PDB file of all heavy atoms in Angstrom:
ATOM      1  N   CYS A   1      -4.935   3.767  -0.471  1.00  0.00           N
ATOM      2  CA  CYS A   1      -4.763   4.341  -1.816  1.00  0.00           C
ATOM      3  C   CYS A   1      -3.868   3.429  -2.684  1.00  0.00           C
ATOM      4  O   CYS A   1      -2.989   2.789  -2.315  1.00  0.00           O
ATOM      5  CB  CYS A   1      -4.232   5.691  -1.708  1.00  0.00           C
ATOM      6  SG  CYS A   1      -2.408   5.768  -1.191  1.00  0.00           S
ATOM      7  N   ALA A   2      -4.244   3.403  -4.005  1.00  0.00           N
ATOM      8  CA  ALA A   2      -3.540   2.552  -4.969  1.00  0.00           C
ATOM      9  C   ALA A   2      -3.038   3.371  -6.140  1.00  0.00           C
ATOM     10  O   ALA A   2      -2.680   2.831  -7.119  1.00  0.00           O
ATOM     11  CB  ALA A   2      -4.588   1.475  -5.430  1.00  0.00           C
ATOM     12  N   HIS A   3      -2.895   4.721  -6.002  1.00  0.00           N
ATOM     13  CA  HIS A   3      -2.514   5.528  -7.065  1.00  0.00           C
ATOM     14  C   HIS A   3      -1.237   6.398  -6.678  1.00  0.00           C
ATOM     15  O   HIS A   3      -1.035   6.606  -5.533  1.00  0.00           O
ATOM     16  CB  HIS A   3      -3.580   6.533  -7.526  1.00  0.00           C
ATOM     17  CG  HIS A   3      -4.011   7.534  -6.416  1.00  0.00           C
ATOM     18  ND1 HIS A   3      -4.797   7.195  -5.280  1.00  0.00           N
ATOM     19  CD2 HIS A   3      -3.627   8.784  -6.271  1.00  0.00           C
ATOM     20  CE1 HIS A   3      -4.877   8.259  -4.609  1.00  0.00           C
ATOM     21  NE2 HIS A   3      -4.223   9.227  -5.101  1.00  0.00           N
ATOM     22  N   TYR A   4      -0.499   6.738  -7.741  1.00  0.00           N
ATOM     23  CA  TYR A   4       0.633   7.768  -7.505  1.00  0.00           C
ATOM     24  C   TYR A   4       0.088   9.157  -7.439  1.00  0.00           C
ATOM     25  O   TYR A   4      -0.607   9.636  -8.442  1.00  0.00           O
ATOM     26  CB  TYR A   4       1.660   7.581  -8.605  1.00  0.00           C
ATOM     27  CG  TYR A   4       2.605   6.380  -8.318  1.00  0.00           C
ATOM     28  CD1 TYR A   4       2.145   5.124  -8.884  1.00  0.00           C
ATOM     29  CD2 TYR A   4       3.744   6.379  -7.698  1.00  0.00           C
ATOM     30  CE1 TYR A   4       2.899   3.950  -8.697  1.00  0.00           C
ATOM     31  CE2 TYR A   4       4.556   5.301  -7.461  1.00  0.00           C
ATOM     32  CZ  TYR A   4       4.107   4.052  -8.026  1.00  0.00           C
ATOM     33  OH  TYR A   4       4.871   2.949  -7.862  1.00  0.00           O
ATOM     34  N   GLY A   5       0.324   9.903  -6.370  1.00  0.00           N
ATOM     35  CA  GLY A   5      -0.030  11.273  -6.249  1.00  0.00           C
ATOM     36  C   GLY A   5       1.269  12.004  -5.873  1.00  0.00           C
ATOM     37  O   GLY A   5       2.294  11.890  -6.476  1.00  0.00           O
ATOM     38  N   LEU A   6       1.113  12.837  -4.841  1.00  0.00           N
ATOM     39  CA  LEU A   6       2.375  13.422  -4.280  1.00  0.00           C
ATOM     40  C   LEU A   6       3.286  12.392  -3.573  1.00  0.00           C
ATOM     41  O   LEU A   6       4.468  12.691  -3.377  1.00  0.00           O
ATOM     42  CB  LEU A   6       2.002  14.550  -3.289  1.00  0.00           C
ATOM     43  CG  LEU A   6       1.154  15.689  -3.783  1.00  0.00           C
ATOM     44  CD1 LEU A   6       0.807  16.615  -2.740  1.00  0.00           C
ATOM     45  CD2 LEU A   6       1.968  16.393  -4.886  1.00  0.00           C
ATOM     46  N   THR A   7       2.711  11.290  -3.224  1.00  0.00           N
ATOM     47  CA  THR A   7       3.472  10.203  -2.670  1.00  0.00           C
ATOM     48  C   THR A   7       3.074   8.888  -3.342  1.00  0.00           C
ATOM     49  O   THR A   7       2.004   8.803  -3.935  1.00  0.00           O
ATOM     50  CB  THR A   7       3.157  10.071  -1.141  1.00  0.00           C
ATOM     51  OG1 THR A   7       1.731   9.875  -0.941  1.00  0.00           O
ATOM     52  CG2 THR A   7       3.563  11.239  -0.345  1.00  0.00           C
ATOM     53  N   PRO A   8       3.937   7.798  -3.202  1.00  0.00           N
ATOM     54  CA  PRO A   8       3.585   6.512  -3.850  1.00  0.00           C
ATOM     55  C   PRO A   8       2.400   5.938  -3.135  1.00  0.00           C
ATOM     56  O   PRO A   8       2.067   6.314  -2.053  1.00  0.00           O
ATOM     57  CB  PRO A   8       4.875   5.670  -3.557  1.00  0.00           C
ATOM     58  CG  PRO A   8       5.918   6.640  -3.341  1.00  0.00           C
ATOM     59  CD  PRO A   8       5.263   7.806  -2.709  1.00  0.00           C
ATOM     60  N   PRO A   9       1.717   4.940  -3.776  1.00  0.00           N
ATOM     61  CA  PRO A   9       0.492   4.326  -3.159  1.00  0.00           C
ATOM     62  C   PRO A   9       0.835   3.543  -1.913  1.00  0.00           C
ATOM     63  O   PRO A   9       1.837   2.949  -1.894  1.00  0.00           O
ATOM     64  CB  PRO A   9      -0.034   3.468  -4.314  1.00  0.00           C
ATOM     65  CG  PRO A   9       1.129   3.320  -5.217  1.00  0.00           C
ATOM     66  CD  PRO A   9       1.982   4.378  -5.129  1.00  0.00           C
ATOM     67  N   CYS A  10      -0.132   3.566  -0.934  1.00  0.00           N
ATOM     68  CA  CYS A  10       0.065   2.835   0.228  1.00  0.00           C
ATOM     69  C   CYS A  10       0.054   1.353  -0.065  1.00  0.00           C
ATOM     70  O   CYS A  10       0.656   0.502   0.760  1.00  0.00           O
ATOM     71  CB  CYS A  10      -1.045   3.155   1.231  1.00  0.00           C
ATOM     72  SG  CYS A  10      -0.887   4.758   1.902  1.00  0.00           S
ATOM     73  N   THR A  11      -0.611   0.905  -1.022  1.00  0.00           N
ATOM     74  CA  THR A  11      -0.716  -0.534  -1.384  1.00  0.00           C
ATOM     75  C   THR A  11       0.695  -1.059  -1.623  1.00  0.00           C
ATOM     76  O   THR A  11       0.993  -2.228  -1.300  1.00  0.00           O
ATOM     77  CB  THR A  11      -1.596  -0.794  -2.612  1.00  0.00           C
ATOM     78  OG1 THR A  11      -1.306   0.119  -3.633  1.00  0.00           O
ATOM     79  CG2 THR A  11      -3.056  -0.699  -2.209  1.00  0.00           C
ATOM     80  N   ASN A  12       1.536  -0.299  -2.258  1.00  0.00           N
ATOM     81  CA  ASN A  12       2.893  -0.742  -2.578  1.00  0.00           C
ATOM     82  C   ASN A  12       3.732  -0.923  -1.319  1.00  0.00           C
ATOM     83  O   ASN A  12       4.462  -1.895  -1.138  1.00  0.00           O
ATOM     84  CB  ASN A  12       3.611   0.293  -3.449  1.00  0.00           C
ATOM     85  CG  ASN A  12       3.238   0.360  -4.852  1.00  0.00           C
ATOM     86  OD1 ASN A  12       2.113  -0.207  -5.188  1.00  0.00           O
ATOM     87  ND2 ASN A  12       3.956   1.020  -5.721  1.00  0.00           N
ATOM     88  N   PHE A  13       3.559  -0.028  -0.420  1.00  0.00           N
ATOM     89  CA  PHE A  13       4.236  -0.097   0.926  1.00  0.00           C
ATOM     90  C   PHE A  13       3.689  -1.262   1.749  1.00  0.00           C
ATOM     91  O   PHE A  13       4.484  -2.030   2.418  1.00  0.00           O
ATOM     92  CB  PHE A  13       4.002   1.185   1.725  1.00  0.00           C
ATOM     93  CG  PHE A  13       5.104   1.422   2.729  1.00  0.00           C
ATOM     94  CD1 PHE A  13       6.450   1.066   2.530  1.00  0.00           C
ATOM     95  CD2 PHE A  13       4.799   2.155   3.886  1.00  0.00           C
ATOM     96  CE1 PHE A  13       7.378   1.314   3.453  1.00  0.00           C
ATOM     97  CE2 PHE A  13       5.770   2.398   4.812  1.00  0.00           C
ATOM     98  CZ  PHE A  13       7.146   1.975   4.602  1.00  0.00           C
ATOM     99  N   ILE A  14       2.479  -1.617   1.679  1.00  0.00           N
ATOM    100  CA  ILE A  14       1.843  -2.726   2.323  1.00  0.00           C
ATOM    101  C   ILE A  14       2.399  -4.034   1.875  1.00  0.00           C
ATOM    102  O   ILE A  14       2.772  -4.859   2.592  1.00  0.00           O
ATOM    103  CB  ILE A  14       0.222  -2.658   2.243  1.00  0.00           C
ATOM    104  CG1 ILE A  14      -0.331  -1.544   2.948  1.00  0.00           C
ATOM    105  CG2 ILE A  14      -0.339  -3.960   2.680  1.00  0.00           C
ATOM    106  CD1 ILE A  14      -1.761  -1.149   2.666  1.00  0.00           C
ATOM    107  N   LYS A  15       2.511  -4.216   0.534  1.00  0.00           N
ATOM    108  CA  LYS A  15       3.057  -5.323  -0.035  1.00  0.00           C
ATOM    109  C   LYS A  15       4.599  -5.467   0.345  1.00  0.00           C
ATOM    110  O   LYS A  15       5.070  -6.551   0.749  1.00  0.00           O
ATOM    111  CB  LYS A  15       3.055  -5.305  -1.599  1.00  0.00           C
ATOM    112  CG  LYS A  15       1.656  -5.568  -2.165  1.00  0.00           C
ATOM    113  CD  LYS A  15       1.572  -5.520  -3.616  1.00  0.00           C
ATOM    114  CE  LYS A  15       2.291  -6.663  -4.209  1.00  0.00           C
ATOM    115  NZ  LYS A  15       2.221  -6.645  -5.745  1.00  0.00           N
ATOM    116  N   LYS A  16       5.300  -4.377   0.336  1.00  0.00           N
ATOM    117  CA  LYS A  16       6.734  -4.429   0.590  1.00  0.00           C
ATOM    118  C   LYS A  16       6.974  -4.908   2.030  1.00  0.00           C
ATOM    119  O   LYS A  16       7.933  -5.610   2.299  1.00  0.00           O
ATOM    120  CB  LYS A  16       7.256  -3.038   0.377  1.00  0.00           C
ATOM    121  CG  LYS A  16       8.845  -2.983   0.650  1.00  0.00           C
ATOM    122  CD  LYS A  16       9.308  -1.545   0.444  1.00  0.00           C
ATOM    123  CE  LYS A  16      10.763  -1.371   0.817  1.00  0.00           C
ATOM    124  NZ  LYS A  16      11.309   0.038   0.651  1.00  0.00           N
ATOM    125  N   LYS A  17       6.125  -4.528   2.914  1.00  0.00           N
ATOM    126  CA  LYS A  17       6.319  -4.819   4.382  1.00  0.00           C
ATOM    127  C   LYS A  17       5.783  -6.283   4.746  1.00  0.00           C
ATOM    128  O   LYS A  17       6.005  -6.703   5.867  1.00  0.00           O
ATOM    129  CB  LYS A  17       5.550  -3.789   5.227  1.00  0.00           C
ATOM    130  CG  LYS A  17       6.295  -2.459   5.215  1.00  0.00           C
ATOM    131  CD  LYS A  17       7.554  -2.420   6.016  1.00  0.00           C
ATOM    132  CE  LYS A  17       8.182  -1.073   6.179  1.00  0.00           C
ATOM    133  NZ  LYS A  17       9.379  -1.077   7.036  1.00  0.00           N
ATOM    134  N   GLY A  18       5.179  -6.884   3.793  1.00  0.00           N
ATOM    135  CA  GLY A  18       4.840  -8.324   3.951  1.00  0.00           C
ATOM    136  C   GLY A  18       3.597  -8.541   4.799  1.00  0.00           C
ATOM    137  O   GLY A  18       3.406  -9.499   5.563  1.00  0.00           O
ATOM    138  N   ILE A  19       2.638  -7.547   4.774  1.00  0.00           N
ATOM    139  CA  ILE A  19       1.393  -7.688   5.521  1.00  0.00           C
ATOM    140  C   ILE A  19       0.551  -8.838   4.930  1.00  0.00           C
ATOM    141  O   ILE A  19       0.432  -8.950   3.699  1.00  0.00           O
ATOM    142  CB  ILE A  19       0.581  -6.389   5.403  1.00  0.00           C
ATOM    143  CG1 ILE A  19       1.300  -5.279   6.167  1.00  0.00           C
ATOM    144  CG2 ILE A  19      -0.842  -6.532   5.998  1.00  0.00           C
ATOM    145  CD1 ILE A  19       1.376  -5.440   7.605  1.00  0.00           C
ATOM    146  N   LYS A  20       0.110  -9.783   5.770  1.00  0.00           N
ATOM    147  CA  LYS A  20      -0.579 -10.914   5.264  1.00  0.00           C
ATOM    148  C   LYS A  20      -2.086 -10.678   4.899  1.00  0.00           C
ATOM    149  O   LYS A  20      -2.452 -11.185   3.878  1.00  0.00           O
ATOM    150  CB  LYS A  20      -0.648 -11.958   6.477  1.00  0.00           C
ATOM    151  CG  LYS A  20      -1.319 -13.268   6.157  1.00  0.00           C
ATOM    152  CD  LYS A  20      -1.227 -14.291   7.289  1.00  0.00           C
ATOM    153  CE  LYS A  20      -2.149 -13.837   8.454  1.00  0.00           C
ATOM    154  NZ  LYS A  20      -2.220 -14.895   9.443  1.00  0.00           N
ATOM    155  N   LYS A  21      -2.737  -9.824   5.621  1.00  0.00           N
ATOM    156  CA  LYS A  21      -4.151  -9.468   5.253  1.00  0.00           C
ATOM    157  C   LYS A  21      -4.503  -8.038   5.637  1.00  0.00           C
ATOM    158  O   LYS A  21      -4.008  -7.620   6.748  1.00  0.00           O
ATOM    159  CB  LYS A  21      -5.048 -10.459   6.045  1.00  0.00           C
ATOM    160  CG  LYS A  21      -6.451 -10.449   5.576  1.00  0.00           C
ATOM    161  CD  LYS A  21      -6.685 -11.336   4.300  1.00  0.00           C
ATOM    162  CE  LYS A  21      -8.161 -11.442   4.024  1.00  0.00           C
ATOM    163  NZ  LYS A  21      -8.340 -12.251   2.780  1.00  0.00           N
ATOM    164  N   VAL A  22      -5.310  -7.425   4.806  1.00  0.00           N
ATOM    165  CA  VAL A  22      -5.678  -6.073   5.106  1.00  0.00           C
ATOM    166  C   VAL A  22      -7.236  -6.054   5.173  1.00  0.00           C
ATOM    167  O   VAL A  22      -7.915  -6.516   4.250  1.00  0.00           O
ATOM    168  CB  VAL A  22      -5.351  -5.004   4.006  1.00  0.00           C
ATOM    169  CG1 VAL A  22      -5.863  -3.671   4.204  1.00  0.00           C
ATOM    170  CG2 VAL A  22      -3.755  -4.991   3.961  1.00  0.00           C
ATOM    171  N   TYR A  23      -7.774  -5.590   6.225  1.00  0.00           N
ATOM    172  CA  TYR A  23      -9.133  -5.442   6.461  1.00  0.00           C
ATOM    173  C   TYR A  23      -9.554  -3.972   6.447  1.00  0.00           C
ATOM    174  O   TYR A  23      -8.943  -3.166   7.203  1.00  0.00           O
ATOM    175  CB  TYR A  23      -9.622  -6.043   7.787  1.00  0.00           C
ATOM    176  CG  TYR A  23      -9.307  -7.585   7.908  1.00  0.00           C
ATOM    177  CD1 TYR A  23      -8.220  -8.081   8.508  1.00  0.00           C
ATOM    178  CD2 TYR A  23     -10.200  -8.470   7.313  1.00  0.00           C
ATOM    179  CE1 TYR A  23      -7.950  -9.404   8.641  1.00  0.00           C
ATOM    180  CE2 TYR A  23      -9.970  -9.869   7.372  1.00  0.00           C
ATOM    181  CZ  TYR A  23      -8.804 -10.286   8.084  1.00  0.00           C
ATOM    182  OH  TYR A  23      -8.539 -11.620   8.169  1.00  0.00           O
ATOM    183  N   TYR A  24     -10.477  -3.573   5.573  1.00  0.00           N
ATOM    184  CA  TYR A  24     -10.833  -2.184   5.556  1.00  0.00           C
ATOM    185  C   TYR A  24     -12.395  -2.048   5.595  1.00  0.00           C
ATOM    186  O   TYR A  24     -13.099  -2.962   5.275  1.00  0.00           O
ATOM    187  CB  TYR A  24     -10.273  -1.479   4.343  1.00  0.00           C
ATOM    188  CG  TYR A  24     -11.000  -1.846   3.088  1.00  0.00           C
ATOM    189  CD1 TYR A  24     -11.902  -0.997   2.498  1.00  0.00           C
ATOM    190  CD2 TYR A  24     -10.642  -3.000   2.335  1.00  0.00           C
ATOM    191  CE1 TYR A  24     -12.607  -1.313   1.244  1.00  0.00           C
ATOM    192  CE2 TYR A  24     -11.273  -3.229   1.146  1.00  0.00           C
ATOM    193  CZ  TYR A  24     -12.223  -2.555   0.592  1.00  0.00           C
ATOM    194  OH  TYR A  24     -12.899  -2.781  -0.626  1.00  0.00           O
TER     195      TYR A  24
END
């Protein structure tokens, strides 16, 4: 998810944690 709802977007947390690559 990339939108603000009841919680912040998961994309923000992924960037913050330094994930190199996301495969979906």
